[in-house]
């Protein structure tokens, strides 16, 4: 049921999702910080799986940078849009395939096929069932080559609780607030689609004992999380913005920052 809800939600959000990461300085922080870690850990060349890649924001950019990419997403509207963006960017020769499918079942892909696997923006968070989330993680690892980086980002439970306080305090008395607080899971009944919001220790533990080494975790919005208006104002001052970005990259891997960031990134390497 949750998969159908997610597919329906993102069918109506294609253009908004494409624009989301570049709409302002605050949202671009997620994009730029993600690329910071991609540049740090991706091999210099190779075949990358963009799993749950939506309308193709990362696929297009990585193809521009010379990587071969396979884009997989379960929403046909996202894939149709991505194909247009790929053509427009003139990187069709670098995108090996655009595939409809779920990260829970990558059985069409052979073991160890990819030089790197990315799953960014929260596709893993949109799997509410615990067993299916675990299966998806196993699949992302399985299709990576030994030694390949696997880079995943999810949505944070602690950050969402702050959002409830600051933007939707009337919802604190509603049953779904306690459900999210206590379990991280949300059925999609109030404005957003079905989602599991992670605690940082839960996110890391999900990759333990799976034949990978966790290399790093980061908060993608970092200490700027939930301060969109202030950050966007600061970004207009070039000198202050430069110092703030330095501060962001120095602090975004601090454990206390990772857990309270809107999106958390985990980098691991397959053994």
Protein backbone atom coordinates (compact mmCIF):
# COMPACT_ATOMS: atom_id res chain seq x y z
CA UNK A 1 0.00 0.00 0.00
CA UNK A 2 2.77 2.46 0.92
CA UNK A 3 4.50 1.90 -2.45
CA UNK A 4 1.31 2.89 -4.28
CA UNK A 5 1.00 6.03 -2.13
CA UNK A 6 4.59 7.02 -2.82
CA UNK A 7 4.25 6.45 -6.56
CA UNK A 8 1.02 8.49 -6.63
CA UNK A 9 2.60 11.32 -4.64
CA UNK A 10 5.70 11.64 -6.82
CA UNK A 11 3.70 11.35 -10.03
CA UNK A 12 2.25 14.73 -9.08
CA UNK A 13 5.58 16.18 -7.92
CA UNK A 14 7.90 15.58 -10.88
CA UNK A 15 8.74 19.17 -11.82
CA UNK A 16 8.72 20.30 -8.19
CA UNK A 17 11.13 17.51 -7.25
CA UNK A 18 13.42 18.35 -10.18
CA UNK A 19 13.55 21.97 -9.06
CA UNK A 20 13.64 21.24 -5.32
CA UNK A 21 17.42 21.07 -4.98
CA UNK A 22 18.08 24.31 -6.84
CA UNK A 23 15.16 26.44 -5.69
CA UNK A 24 17.23 28.49 -3.21
CA UNK A 25 20.50 28.47 -1.28
CA UNK A 26 19.01 26.37 1.51
CA UNK A 27 17.93 23.53 -0.78
CA UNK A 28 21.10 23.80 -2.83
CA UNK A 29 23.02 23.08 0.36
CA UNK A 30 21.66 19.50 0.25
CA UNK A 31 22.69 19.17 -3.40
CA UNK A 32 26.15 20.72 -3.00
CA UNK A 33 26.96 18.80 0.18
CA UNK A 34 25.91 15.56 -1.49
CA UNK A 35 28.21 16.34 -4.44
CA UNK A 36 30.99 17.16 -1.98
CA UNK A 37 30.86 13.58 -0.71
CA UNK A 38 30.31 12.09 -4.16
CA UNK A 39 33.49 13.81 -5.34
CA UNK A 40 35.30 12.53 -2.27
CA UNK A 41 34.29 8.86 -2.60
CA UNK A 42 33.26 8.03 -6.17
CA UNK A 43 35.90 6.42 -8.38
CA UNK A 44 37.34 8.63 -11.10
CA UNK A 45 35.32 6.74 -13.71
CA UNK A 46 32.94 3.82 -13.96
CA UNK A 47 29.32 2.67 -14.00
CA UNK A 48 27.02 4.11 -11.34
CA UNK A 49 23.54 2.97 -10.30
CA UNK A 50 21.33 5.94 -9.39
CA UNK A 51 18.77 3.94 -7.40
CA UNK A 52 15.48 5.72 -6.76
CA UNK A 53 16.90 8.63 -8.74
CA UNK A 54 13.55 10.31 -9.42
CA UNK A 55 13.57 12.84 -12.27
CA UNK A 56 17.30 12.39 -12.78
CA UNK A 57 19.01 15.34 -11.14
CA UNK A 58 22.06 13.30 -10.08
CA UNK A 59 22.02 11.10 -13.19
CA UNK A 60 22.34 14.11 -15.49
CA UNK A 61 25.09 15.72 -13.44
CA UNK A 62 27.14 12.54 -13.10
CA UNK A 63 26.77 11.84 -16.82
CA UNK A 64 28.05 15.36 -17.52
CA UNK A 65 31.07 14.51 -15.38
CA UNK A 66 31.85 11.53 -17.58
CA UNK A 67 30.38 8.63 -15.61
CA UNK A 68 28.20 5.96 -17.14
CA UNK A 69 24.90 5.82 -15.28
CA UNK A 70 21.86 3.59 -14.92
CA UNK A 71 18.83 5.42 -13.53
CA UNK A 72 16.24 3.33 -11.69
CA UNK A 73 12.98 4.67 -10.25
CA UNK A 74 9.53 3.23 -9.65
CA UNK A 75 7.54 6.25 -10.89
CA UNK A 76 7.02 6.28 -14.69
CA UNK A 77 6.37 10.04 -14.72
CA UNK A 78 9.80 10.63 -13.17
CA UNK A 79 11.48 8.43 -15.76
CA UNK A 80 9.71 10.10 -18.70
CA UNK A 81 10.83 13.50 -17.40
CA UNK A 82 14.38 12.22 -16.79
CA UNK A 83 14.67 10.99 -20.37
CA UNK A 84 13.81 14.49 -21.62
CA UNK A 85 16.39 16.07 -19.33
CA UNK A 86 19.01 13.55 -20.42
CA UNK A 87 18.37 14.40 -24.08
CA UNK A 88 18.40 18.13 -23.36
CA UNK A 89 21.71 17.84 -21.52
CA UNK A 90 23.13 15.84 -24.47
CA UNK A 91 24.36 13.02 -22.21
CA UNK A 92 22.27 10.19 -23.64
CA UNK A 93 25.45 8.36 -24.68
CA UNK A 94 26.53 8.24 -21.01
CA UNK A 95 23.21 7.02 -19.59
CA UNK A 96 23.26 3.31 -20.22
CA UNK A 97 19.66 2.66 -19.20
CA UNK A 98 16.58 4.21 -17.59
CA UNK A 99 14.73 1.49 -15.73
CA UNK A 100 11.37 1.29 -13.95
CA UNK A 101 11.73 -0.62 -10.72
CA UNK A 102 11.91 -0.60 -6.94
CA UNK A 103 15.07 -0.63 -4.84
CA UNK A 104 13.49 -3.47 -2.85
CA UNK A 105 13.96 -5.82 -5.80
CA UNK A 106 16.97 -5.39 -8.07
CA UNK A 107 16.90 -9.02 -9.20
CA UNK A 108 17.27 -8.00 -12.85
CA UNK A 109 20.76 -6.73 -11.97
CA UNK A 110 23.66 -9.14 -11.53
CA UNK A 111 25.79 -9.26 -8.40
CA UNK A 112 28.66 -6.76 -8.38
CA UNK A 113 27.68 -4.95 -11.56
CA UNK A 114 28.34 -1.35 -10.48
CA UNK A 115 31.47 0.60 -9.62
CA UNK A 116 29.34 2.73 -7.27
CA UNK A 117 25.75 2.81 -6.04
CA UNK A 118 23.91 5.95 -4.96
CA UNK A 119 20.44 6.21 -3.41
CA UNK A 120 19.89 9.88 -2.67
CA UNK A 121 17.19 12.18 -1.36
CA UNK A 122 15.26 9.57 0.59
CA UNK A 123 14.08 6.58 -1.51
CA UNK A 124 15.02 4.30 1.39
CA UNK A 125 12.93 6.47 3.72
CA UNK A 126 9.86 5.85 1.56
CA UNK A 127 9.88 2.14 2.43
CA UNK A 128 7.84 1.94 5.63
CA UNK A 129 8.04 -1.82 6.14
CA UNK A 130 11.13 -2.74 8.19
CA UNK A 131 11.85 -5.98 6.37
CA UNK A 132 11.55 -4.36 2.95
CA UNK A 133 13.90 -1.55 3.97
CA UNK A 134 16.42 -4.14 5.08
CA UNK A 135 15.95 -6.01 1.81
CA UNK A 136 16.53 -2.80 -0.16
CA UNK A 137 19.81 -2.16 1.68
CA UNK A 138 20.92 -5.72 0.93
CA UNK A 139 20.09 -5.20 -2.74
CA UNK A 140 21.99 -1.91 -2.98
CA UNK A 141 25.02 -3.64 -1.52
CA UNK A 142 24.66 -6.80 -3.61
CA UNK A 143 24.81 -5.01 -6.97
CA UNK A 144 27.97 -3.07 -6.02
CA UNK A 145 31.41 -4.42 -6.86
CA UNK A 146 33.76 -5.32 -4.00
CA UNK A 147 35.47 -2.11 -2.97
CA UNK A 148 32.72 0.07 -4.46
CA UNK A 149 31.25 3.00 -2.51
CA UNK A 150 27.55 2.91 -1.62
CA UNK A 151 26.19 6.36 -0.78
CA UNK A 152 22.69 6.73 0.68
CA UNK A 153 20.70 9.61 2.14
CA UNK A 154 17.52 9.46 4.21
CA UNK A 155 15.17 11.80 6.07
CA UNK A 156 15.74 12.52 9.75
CA UNK A 157 13.29 11.84 12.56
CA UNK A 158 14.74 14.44 14.95
CA UNK A 159 14.61 17.17 12.31
CA UNK A 160 11.00 16.34 11.53
CA UNK A 161 10.04 16.70 15.19
CA UNK A 162 11.55 20.20 15.10
CA UNK A 163 9.47 20.96 12.00
CA UNK A 164 6.34 19.83 13.85
CA UNK A 165 7.19 22.24 16.68
CA UNK A 166 7.99 25.23 14.48
CA UNK A 167 5.54 24.86 11.60
CA UNK A 168 2.77 22.47 12.64
CA UNK A 169 2.38 22.67 16.45
CA UNK A 170 -1.32 21.80 16.12
CA UNK A 171 -0.29 18.33 14.95
CA UNK A 172 1.56 17.50 18.17
CA UNK A 173 -1.71 16.28 19.70
CA UNK A 174 -2.50 14.07 16.69
CA UNK A 175 -1.79 10.31 16.76
CA UNK A 176 0.68 10.43 13.88
CA UNK A 177 3.02 12.71 15.86
CA UNK A 178 3.58 10.09 18.56
CA UNK A 179 3.86 7.38 15.90
CA UNK A 180 6.67 9.27 14.17
CA UNK A 181 8.33 10.15 17.48
CA UNK A 182 8.26 6.58 18.77
CA UNK A 183 8.73 4.51 15.59
CA UNK A 184 9.84 6.89 12.84
CA UNK A 185 7.09 5.67 10.53
CA UNK A 186 4.34 7.77 8.97
CA UNK A 187 1.42 6.46 6.93
CA UNK A 188 1.06 9.47 4.65
CA UNK A 189 -2.29 10.79 5.86
CA UNK A 190 -1.34 14.44 6.49
CA UNK A 191 0.18 16.31 3.56
CA UNK A 192 3.22 14.12 2.85
CA UNK A 193 3.47 10.57 1.56
CA UNK A 194 4.34 7.38 3.44
CA UNK A 195 7.79 7.66 4.98
CA UNK A 196 10.15 6.28 7.59
CA UNK A 197 12.22 8.94 9.34
CA UNK A 198 15.53 7.68 10.69
CA UNK A 199 17.48 8.24 13.87
CA UNK A 200 21.21 8.47 13.10
CA UNK A 201 22.16 5.40 15.13
CA UNK A 202 19.35 3.46 13.45
CA UNK A 203 20.60 4.52 10.01
CA UNK A 204 24.12 3.36 10.74
CA UNK A 205 23.00 0.12 12.38
CA UNK A 206 20.98 -0.74 9.26
CA UNK A 207 24.29 -1.21 7.39
CA UNK A 208 26.10 -3.13 10.13
CA UNK A 209 26.99 -6.78 9.51
CA UNK A 210 26.17 -6.52 5.82
CA UNK A 211 29.64 -6.83 4.37
CA UNK A 212 30.35 -3.11 4.21
CA UNK A 213 32.55 -0.66 6.07
CA UNK A 214 30.83 2.58 7.09
CA UNK A 215 33.24 5.37 6.19
CA UNK A 216 31.38 8.54 7.07
CA UNK A 217 28.04 10.09 7.97
CA UNK A 218 27.01 13.68 7.35
CA UNK A 219 24.11 16.03 7.86
CA UNK A 220 23.39 17.48 4.44
CA UNK A 221 21.82 20.71 5.70
CA UNK A 222 23.95 20.51 8.82
CA UNK A 223 23.67 23.27 11.42
CA UNK A 224 21.58 25.25 8.93
CA UNK A 225 18.71 22.75 9.19
CA UNK A 226 15.28 24.32 9.63
CA UNK A 227 16.72 27.83 9.24
CA UNK A 228 15.85 28.30 5.58
CA UNK A 229 14.93 31.99 5.70
CA UNK A 230 18.03 33.01 7.65
CA UNK A 231 20.33 30.95 5.43
CA UNK A 232 18.87 32.33 2.20
CA UNK A 233 19.36 35.87 3.53
CA UNK A 234 22.95 35.11 4.54
CA UNK A 235 23.72 33.63 1.11
CA UNK A 236 23.30 37.09 -0.43
CA UNK A 237 26.38 38.31 1.45
CA UNK A 238 29.32 36.74 -0.40
CA UNK A 239 31.92 37.15 2.36
CA UNK A 240 29.71 35.79 5.13
CA UNK A 241 28.41 33.02 2.91
CA UNK A 242 31.94 31.81 2.20
CA UNK A 243 32.73 31.63 5.91
CA UNK A 244 29.42 29.91 6.65
CA UNK A 245 30.05 27.23 4.00
CA UNK A 246 33.48 26.58 5.51
CA UNK A 247 31.76 26.22 8.88
CA UNK A 248 29.15 23.91 7.39
CA UNK A 249 31.69 21.51 5.91
CA UNK A 250 33.73 21.53 9.12
CA UNK A 251 30.70 20.60 11.24
CA UNK A 252 28.37 18.54 9.03
CA UNK A 253 29.98 15.24 10.04
CA UNK A 254 29.74 15.92 13.79
CA UNK A 255 27.47 13.24 15.33
CA UNK A 256 25.21 15.80 17.01
CA UNK A 257 24.73 17.60 13.69
CA UNK A 258 24.10 14.48 11.60
CA UNK A 259 21.06 13.48 13.64
CA UNK A 260 19.34 16.86 13.58
CA UNK A 261 19.89 17.59 9.89
CA UNK A 262 16.88 17.28 7.58
CA UNK A 263 18.72 14.71 5.45
CA UNK A 264 21.45 12.37 6.63
CA UNK A 265 24.05 10.88 4.30
CA UNK A 266 25.89 7.60 4.89
CA UNK A 267 28.94 6.51 2.91
CA UNK A 268 30.07 2.90 3.05
CA UNK A 269 32.37 0.65 1.03
CA UNK A 270 31.64 -2.93 0.10
CA UNK A 271 34.25 -5.32 1.48
